[in-house]
N, C-alpha and C. Protein backbone atom coordinates (compact mmCIF):
# COMPACT_ATOMS: atom_id res chain seq x y z
N MET A 1 21.32 1.22 9.49
CA MET A 1 21.95 1.36 7.72
C MET A 1 19.84 1.20 7.14
N GLU A 2 20.14 1.83 6.08
CA GLU A 2 18.77 2.52 5.99
C GLU A 2 18.54 2.06 4.14
N ALA A 3 16.51 2.32 3.99
CA ALA A 3 16.42 1.84 2.90
C ALA A 3 14.99 2.57 2.57
N THR A 4 15.15 2.60 0.86
CA THR A 4 13.92 3.18 0.78
C THR A 4 12.71 2.57 -0.30
N ILE A 5 11.12 2.27 0.20
CA ILE A 5 10.31 1.28 -0.20
C ILE A 5 9.60 2.15 -1.29
N GLU A 6 9.54 1.65 -2.40
CA GLU A 6 8.72 2.71 -3.31
C GLU A 6 7.89 1.46 -4.07
N ILE A 7 6.22 1.29 -4.05
CA ILE A 7 5.34 0.91 -4.45
C ILE A 7 4.38 1.46 -5.29
N GLU A 8 3.46 0.81 -6.18
CA GLU A 8 2.77 1.25 -7.34
C GLU A 8 1.80 0.24 -6.62
N PHE A 9 0.76 1.08 -6.81
CA PHE A 9 -0.95 -0.01 -6.49
C PHE A 9 -1.89 0.31 -7.38
N LEU A 10 -2.96 -0.27 -7.80
CA LEU A 10 -4.27 -0.05 -8.54
C LEU A 10 -5.69 -0.29 -7.90
N GLN A 11 -6.07 0.70 -8.48
CA GLN A 11 -7.86 1.03 -7.50
C GLN A 11 -8.23 -0.34 -7.68
N GLY A 12 -8.36 -0.98 -6.00
CA GLY A 12 -9.01 -2.27 -6.01
C GLY A 12 -10.87 -1.32 -5.67
N ILE A 13 -11.19 -2.88 -5.12
CA ILE A 13 -13.11 -2.51 -5.09
C ILE A 13 -12.85 -1.55 -2.88
N ASN A 14 -13.17 -0.61 -3.23
CA ASN A 14 -12.41 0.44 -1.76
C ASN A 14 -11.34 0.07 -1.32
N GLU A 15 -10.46 0.38 -2.54
CA GLU A 15 -8.61 -0.63 -1.69
C GLU A 15 -7.83 0.05 -2.50
N LEU A 16 -7.02 0.24 -2.50
CA LEU A 16 -5.76 0.66 -2.60
C LEU A 16 -5.00 -0.97 -2.89
N VAL A 17 -4.29 -1.62 -4.01
CA VAL A 17 -3.94 -3.24 -3.51
C VAL A 17 -2.74 -2.96 -4.56
N ILE A 18 -1.52 -3.19 -3.59
CA ILE A 18 0.12 -3.31 -3.60
C ILE A 18 0.35 -3.80 -4.99
N LYS A 19 0.73 -3.44 -5.74
CA LYS A 19 0.93 -4.39 -7.52
C LYS A 19 2.53 -4.48 -6.96
N GLU A 20 3.61 -3.84 -7.30
CA GLU A 20 4.54 -3.39 -7.18
C GLU A 20 5.88 -2.73 -6.28
N LEU A 21 6.08 -3.49 -5.62
CA LEU A 21 7.36 -3.43 -4.46
C LEU A 21 8.62 -3.17 -4.65
N ALA A 22 9.44 -2.61 -3.96
CA ALA A 22 11.21 -2.29 -4.11
C ALA A 22 11.97 -2.04 -3.38
N VAL A 23 12.72 -2.44 -2.62
CA VAL A 23 13.40 -2.16 -1.83
C VAL A 23 14.50 -1.59 -1.79
N VAL A 24 15.61 -0.26 -1.45
CA VAL A 24 16.70 -0.67 -2.88
C VAL A 24 17.77 0.09 -1.44
N SER A 25 18.54 -0.07 -1.44
CA SER A 25 19.49 0.67 -0.57
C SER A 25 21.41 0.02 -0.89
N ASP A 26 22.24 0.37 -0.34
CA ASP A 26 23.76 0.03 -1.25
C ASP A 26 23.56 0.14 -2.59
N GLY A 27 23.05 0.42 -3.43
CA GLY A 27 22.46 0.02 -4.70
C GLY A 27 22.59 -1.58 -5.08
N VAL A 28 21.48 -2.44 -4.35
CA VAL A 28 20.77 -3.73 -3.60
C VAL A 28 19.36 -3.21 -3.73
N VAL A 29 18.56 -3.57 -5.35
CA VAL A 29 17.60 -3.67 -5.60
C VAL A 29 16.89 -5.25 -5.13
N GLN A 30 15.38 -4.92 -4.43
CA GLN A 30 14.87 -6.38 -4.17
C GLN A 30 13.30 -4.96 -5.50
N THR A 31 12.70 -6.23 -5.78
CA THR A 31 11.27 -6.21 -6.28
C THR A 31 10.34 -7.20 -6.14
N PHE A 32 9.06 -6.47 -6.17
CA PHE A 32 8.56 -7.92 -5.80
C PHE A 32 6.98 -7.79 -6.72
N LEU A 33 6.82 -8.66 -7.58
CA LEU A 33 5.40 -8.49 -7.94
C LEU A 33 3.95 -9.44 -7.48
N PHE A 34 2.86 -8.35 -6.95
CA PHE A 34 1.85 -9.54 -6.50
C PHE A 34 0.70 -9.53 -7.19
N ARG A 35 0.07 -10.53 -7.04
CA ARG A 35 -1.04 -11.28 -7.31
C ARG A 35 -1.78 -10.03 -7.21
N ALA A 36 -3.24 -10.36 -7.98
CA ALA A 36 -4.26 -9.52 -6.68
C ALA A 36 -4.61 -10.54 -6.53
N PRO A 37 -5.09 -9.67 -4.99
CA PRO A 37 -6.00 -10.25 -3.71
C PRO A 37 -7.53 -10.96 -4.14
N TYR A 38 -8.08 -10.84 -5.25
CA TYR A 38 -8.96 -11.32 -6.50
C TYR A 38 -9.36 -11.14 -7.83
N HIS A 39 -10.86 -11.68 -8.26
CA HIS A 39 -10.43 -11.15 -9.43
C HIS A 39 -10.50 -9.63 -10.29
N MET A 40 -9.42 -9.43 -11.08
CA MET A 40 -9.03 -7.61 -11.95
C MET A 40 -8.90 -7.59 -12.76
N GLU A 41 -9.25 -7.09 -13.75
CA GLU A 41 -8.97 -7.04 -14.64
C GLU A 41 -7.11 -6.46 -14.69
N PRO A 42 -6.95 -8.00 -16.05
CA PRO A 42 -5.35 -6.82 -15.92
C PRO A 42 -5.03 -5.80 -16.25
N HIS A 43 -4.30 -5.35 -15.57
CA HIS A 43 -3.86 -3.61 -15.56
C HIS A 43 -2.49 -4.66 -16.23
N GLY A 44 -1.80 -3.50 -17.80
CA GLY A 44 -0.98 -3.45 -17.99
C GLY A 44 -0.05 -2.08 -17.75
N SER A 45 1.28 -1.88 -17.50
CA SER A 45 1.91 -0.30 -17.03
C SER A 45 3.17 0.33 -18.40
N GLU A 46 2.16 1.17 -18.47
CA GLU A 46 3.34 1.57 -19.64
C GLU A 46 4.62 1.46 -19.36
N GLU A 47 4.76 2.24 -18.75
CA GLU A 47 6.13 2.33 -17.89
C GLU A 47 7.31 1.21 -18.57
N ASN A 48 7.06 -0.13 -17.58
CA ASN A 48 7.55 -1.01 -17.02
C ASN A 48 6.73 -2.64 -18.92
N GLY A 49 6.10 -2.14 -19.44
CA GLY A 49 5.21 -3.72 -19.49
C GLY A 49 4.08 -4.76 -19.10
N LEU A 50 4.43 -4.29 -17.62
CA LEU A 50 4.66 -5.41 -16.55
C LEU A 50 3.02 -5.54 -16.59
N ASN A 51 2.33 -6.73 -16.70
CA ASN A 51 0.79 -7.23 -16.70
C ASN A 51 0.70 -7.26 -15.39
N GLY A 52 -0.05 -7.43 -14.93
CA GLY A 52 -1.24 -7.95 -13.48
C GLY A 52 -0.64 -9.09 -13.56
N ASN A 53 -0.89 -9.92 -15.06
CA ASN A 53 -0.77 -11.03 -15.30
C ASN A 53 0.49 -12.22 -14.78
N ASP A 54 1.93 -11.21 -14.84
CA ASP A 54 2.73 -11.90 -14.62
C ASP A 54 3.52 -12.08 -13.64
N CYS A 55 2.24 -11.26 -12.50
CA CYS A 55 3.14 -11.26 -10.90
C CYS A 55 2.99 -12.64 -10.31
N TYR A 56 4.27 -13.42 -9.54
CA TYR A 56 4.07 -14.05 -9.21
C TYR A 56 3.65 -14.35 -7.43
N ILE A 57 4.19 -12.99 -7.12
CA ILE A 57 3.63 -13.37 -4.96
C ILE A 57 2.09 -13.86 -4.99
N PRO A 58 1.41 -14.17 -4.00
CA PRO A 58 0.38 -14.47 -3.47
C PRO A 58 0.59 -12.96 -2.55
N TYR A 59 -0.96 -12.48 -2.97
CA TYR A 59 -0.51 -11.20 -2.11
C TYR A 59 -1.44 -11.54 -0.55
N ASP A 60 -1.56 -12.62 -0.40
CA ASP A 60 -1.57 -12.99 1.17
C ASP A 60 0.00 -13.14 2.11
N GLN A 61 0.80 -12.51 0.66
CA GLN A 61 1.94 -12.45 1.77
C GLN A 61 3.17 -11.69 1.27
N LEU A 62 2.52 -10.58 1.43
CA LEU A 62 2.55 -9.10 1.91
C LEU A 62 3.63 -8.90 2.23
N PHE A 63 2.84 -8.61 3.78
CA PHE A 63 3.66 -8.77 4.73
C PHE A 63 4.31 -9.78 4.84
N PRO A 64 4.25 -10.42 5.41
CA PRO A 64 5.84 -11.43 5.22
C PRO A 64 6.62 -11.27 4.11
N VAL A 65 6.76 -10.61 2.35
CA VAL A 65 7.91 -10.73 2.08
C VAL A 65 8.20 -8.82 2.48
N LEU A 66 7.20 -8.42 2.99
CA LEU A 66 7.95 -7.06 2.48
C LEU A 66 8.92 -7.29 3.76
N ASN A 67 7.82 -7.54 5.43
CA ASN A 67 9.07 -7.51 6.67
C ASN A 67 10.39 -7.81 6.35
N GLU A 68 10.80 -8.98 5.16
CA GLU A 68 11.27 -9.61 5.50
C GLU A 68 12.66 -8.99 4.92
N ALA A 69 12.47 -8.51 3.83
CA ALA A 69 13.04 -7.31 3.20
C ALA A 69 13.12 -6.15 3.59
N VAL A 70 12.82 -5.45 4.39
CA VAL A 70 13.52 -4.95 5.33
C VAL A 70 14.19 -5.32 7.04
N ALA A 71 14.34 -6.32 7.40
CA ALA A 71 14.29 -6.68 7.72
C ALA A 71 15.61 -5.71 8.89
N ASN A 72 16.79 -6.28 8.13
CA ASN A 72 18.28 -5.72 8.99
C ASN A 72 18.72 -3.69 8.51
N TYR A 73 17.02 -3.83 7.82
CA TYR A 73 17.07 -2.26 7.84
C TYR A 73 16.92 -1.01 9.44
N TYR A 74 17.15 -0.01 10.11
CA TYR A 74 17.01 0.33 10.69
C TYR A 74 16.24 1.89 10.55
N HIS A 75 16.17 2.63 9.30
CA HIS A 75 15.59 4.02 8.54
C HIS A 75 15.60 3.40 7.16
N LEU A 76 14.06 3.33 7.75
CA LEU A 76 13.06 2.81 6.40
C LEU A 76 11.74 4.55 5.07
N TYR A 77 12.68 4.90 4.19
CA TYR A 77 11.90 6.18 3.73
C TYR A 77 11.03 5.79 2.54
N ALA A 78 10.96 6.69 1.98
CA ALA A 78 9.14 6.28 0.94
C ALA A 78 8.87 8.33 0.39
N MET A 79 8.34 8.20 -0.39
CA MET A 79 7.75 9.32 -1.12
C MET A 79 6.76 9.73 -1.02
N GLY A 80 6.50 10.84 -0.34
CA GLY A 80 4.76 10.90 0.03
C GLY A 80 3.69 10.17 1.17
N ASN A 81 3.01 11.38 2.26
CA ASN A 81 2.39 10.65 3.56
C ASN A 81 1.88 9.62 2.41
N TYR A 82 0.94 9.69 2.06
CA TYR A 82 0.50 8.69 2.24
C TYR A 82 0.74 7.10 1.54
N LYS A 83 1.98 7.29 0.67
CA LYS A 83 2.96 5.44 0.80
C LYS A 83 3.47 5.75 2.10
N CYS A 84 3.33 6.53 2.54
CA CYS A 84 4.40 6.20 4.62
C CYS A 84 3.91 6.00 5.07
N GLN A 85 1.65 6.37 5.14
CA GLN A 85 1.47 6.03 5.87
C GLN A 85 0.33 4.09 6.39
N LEU A 86 0.38 4.51 4.33
CA LEU A 86 0.34 2.51 4.38
C LEU A 86 1.37 1.71 4.84
N LEU A 87 2.70 1.89 4.74
CA LEU A 87 3.30 1.42 4.68
C LEU A 87 3.70 1.38 5.95
N ASN A 88 3.36 1.90 7.12
CA ASN A 88 3.42 1.86 8.52
C ASN A 88 2.40 0.97 9.23
N GLY A 89 1.44 1.44 7.85
CA GLY A 89 0.42 0.39 8.77
C GLY A 89 0.10 -1.37 8.27
N ILE A 90 0.79 -1.48 7.74
CA ILE A 90 1.47 -3.05 7.23
C ILE A 90 2.22 -3.21 7.47
N LEU A 91 3.28 -2.67 7.80
CA LEU A 91 4.85 -2.57 8.77
C LEU A 91 4.72 -2.78 9.91
N GLY A 92 4.17 -1.50 11.44
CA GLY A 92 3.83 -1.41 12.34
C GLY A 92 5.16 -0.76 12.60
N LYS A 93 6.11 0.07 11.15
CA LYS A 93 7.55 0.71 11.67
C LYS A 93 6.98 1.70 11.05
N PRO A 94 7.74 2.88 11.67
CA PRO A 94 7.67 4.51 11.04
C PRO A 94 8.35 4.53 9.95
N ILE A 95 8.45 4.82 8.57
CA ILE A 95 8.32 4.81 7.41
C ILE A 95 8.47 6.62 7.09
N HIS A 96 9.54 7.38 6.93
CA HIS A 96 9.84 8.56 7.09
C HIS A 96 9.59 9.27 5.34
N ASN A 97 9.10 10.12 5.02
CA ASN A 97 8.85 10.63 3.67
C ASN A 97 9.73 11.98 3.36
N TYR A 98 10.18 11.22 2.20
CA TYR A 98 11.56 12.07 1.94
C TYR A 98 10.78 13.54 1.25
N GLN A 99 10.05 13.94 1.07
CA GLN A 99 8.74 15.49 0.85
C GLN A 99 9.30 16.46 2.49
N THR A 100 9.39 15.00 3.46
CA THR A 100 9.11 16.45 4.38
C THR A 100 11.03 16.28 4.94
N LEU A 101 11.99 15.85 4.51
CA LEU A 101 13.73 16.38 4.37
C LEU A 101 13.24 16.69 3.42
N GLN A 102 12.44 17.31 2.14
CA GLN A 102 12.78 18.74 1.07
C GLN A 102 13.98 18.40 0.29
N CYS A 103 13.24 17.06 -0.03
CA CYS A 103 14.98 16.13 -1.28
C CYS A 103 14.20 16.67 -2.74
N PRO A 104 14.25 16.62 -3.08
CA PRO A 104 14.28 17.29 -4.44
C PRO A 104 13.28 15.70 -5.03
N ASP A 105 12.66 16.34 -6.09
CA ASP A 105 11.95 15.61 -6.60
C ASP A 105 12.77 14.90 -7.80
N LEU A 106 12.16 13.44 -8.69
CA LEU A 106 12.31 13.30 -9.39
C LEU A 106 12.57 14.09 -10.70
N GLN A 107 11.30 14.61 -11.31
CA GLN A 107 10.85 15.77 -12.10
C GLN A 107 12.37 16.58 -11.92
N GLU A 108 12.09 17.06 -10.98
CA GLU A 108 13.48 18.61 -10.97
C GLU A 108 14.94 17.92 -11.20
N LEU A 109 14.95 17.24 -10.86
CA LEU A 109 16.54 16.28 -11.36
C LEU A 109 15.95 15.21 -12.86
N LYS A 110 15.95 15.41 -13.29
CA LYS A 110 15.49 15.15 -14.99
C LYS A 110 15.73 16.33 -15.82
N SER A 111 15.14 17.52 -14.69
CA SER A 111 15.53 18.38 -15.91
C SER A 111 16.76 19.77 -16.03
N ASP A 112 16.98 19.19 -14.13
CA ASP A 112 18.33 19.88 -14.08
C ASP A 112 19.52 19.14 -14.98
N VAL A 113 19.29 17.87 -15.04
CA VAL A 113 20.05 17.50 -16.05
C VAL A 113 20.23 17.69 -17.83
N THR A 114 19.15 17.68 -18.20
CA THR A 114 18.99 17.91 -19.47
C THR A 114 18.89 19.30 -19.70
N ALA A 115 18.71 20.18 -18.51
CA ALA A 115 19.69 21.45 -18.41
C ALA A 115 20.46 21.36 -18.96
N THR A 116 21.54 20.58 -18.62
CA THR A 116 23.05 21.70 -17.89
C THR A 116 23.56 20.13 -19.92
């Protein structure tokens, strides 16, 4: 079984802080919203309207939540080297990069759909 992991993060104090996490497989989407690990000015998202204050999971639960969410999957994927490295550092499992598999970019797919 395989799953895709998508993360959104904010610039913290000398680090990136994961704000949103999604695990997608076979039509099932699991989403998790993490509180900041320390005080940060609230950041809103233009795409989904979420604010940093809307997050409900303590940041110190990032590893247990992510580890449990992907426990049943043998193949894990993400988009981009940085996300793969970050997730590999958290999970200690290989994360395959969709870009190295030459998968189409989401923007390319959108432009193909609107062109037809």
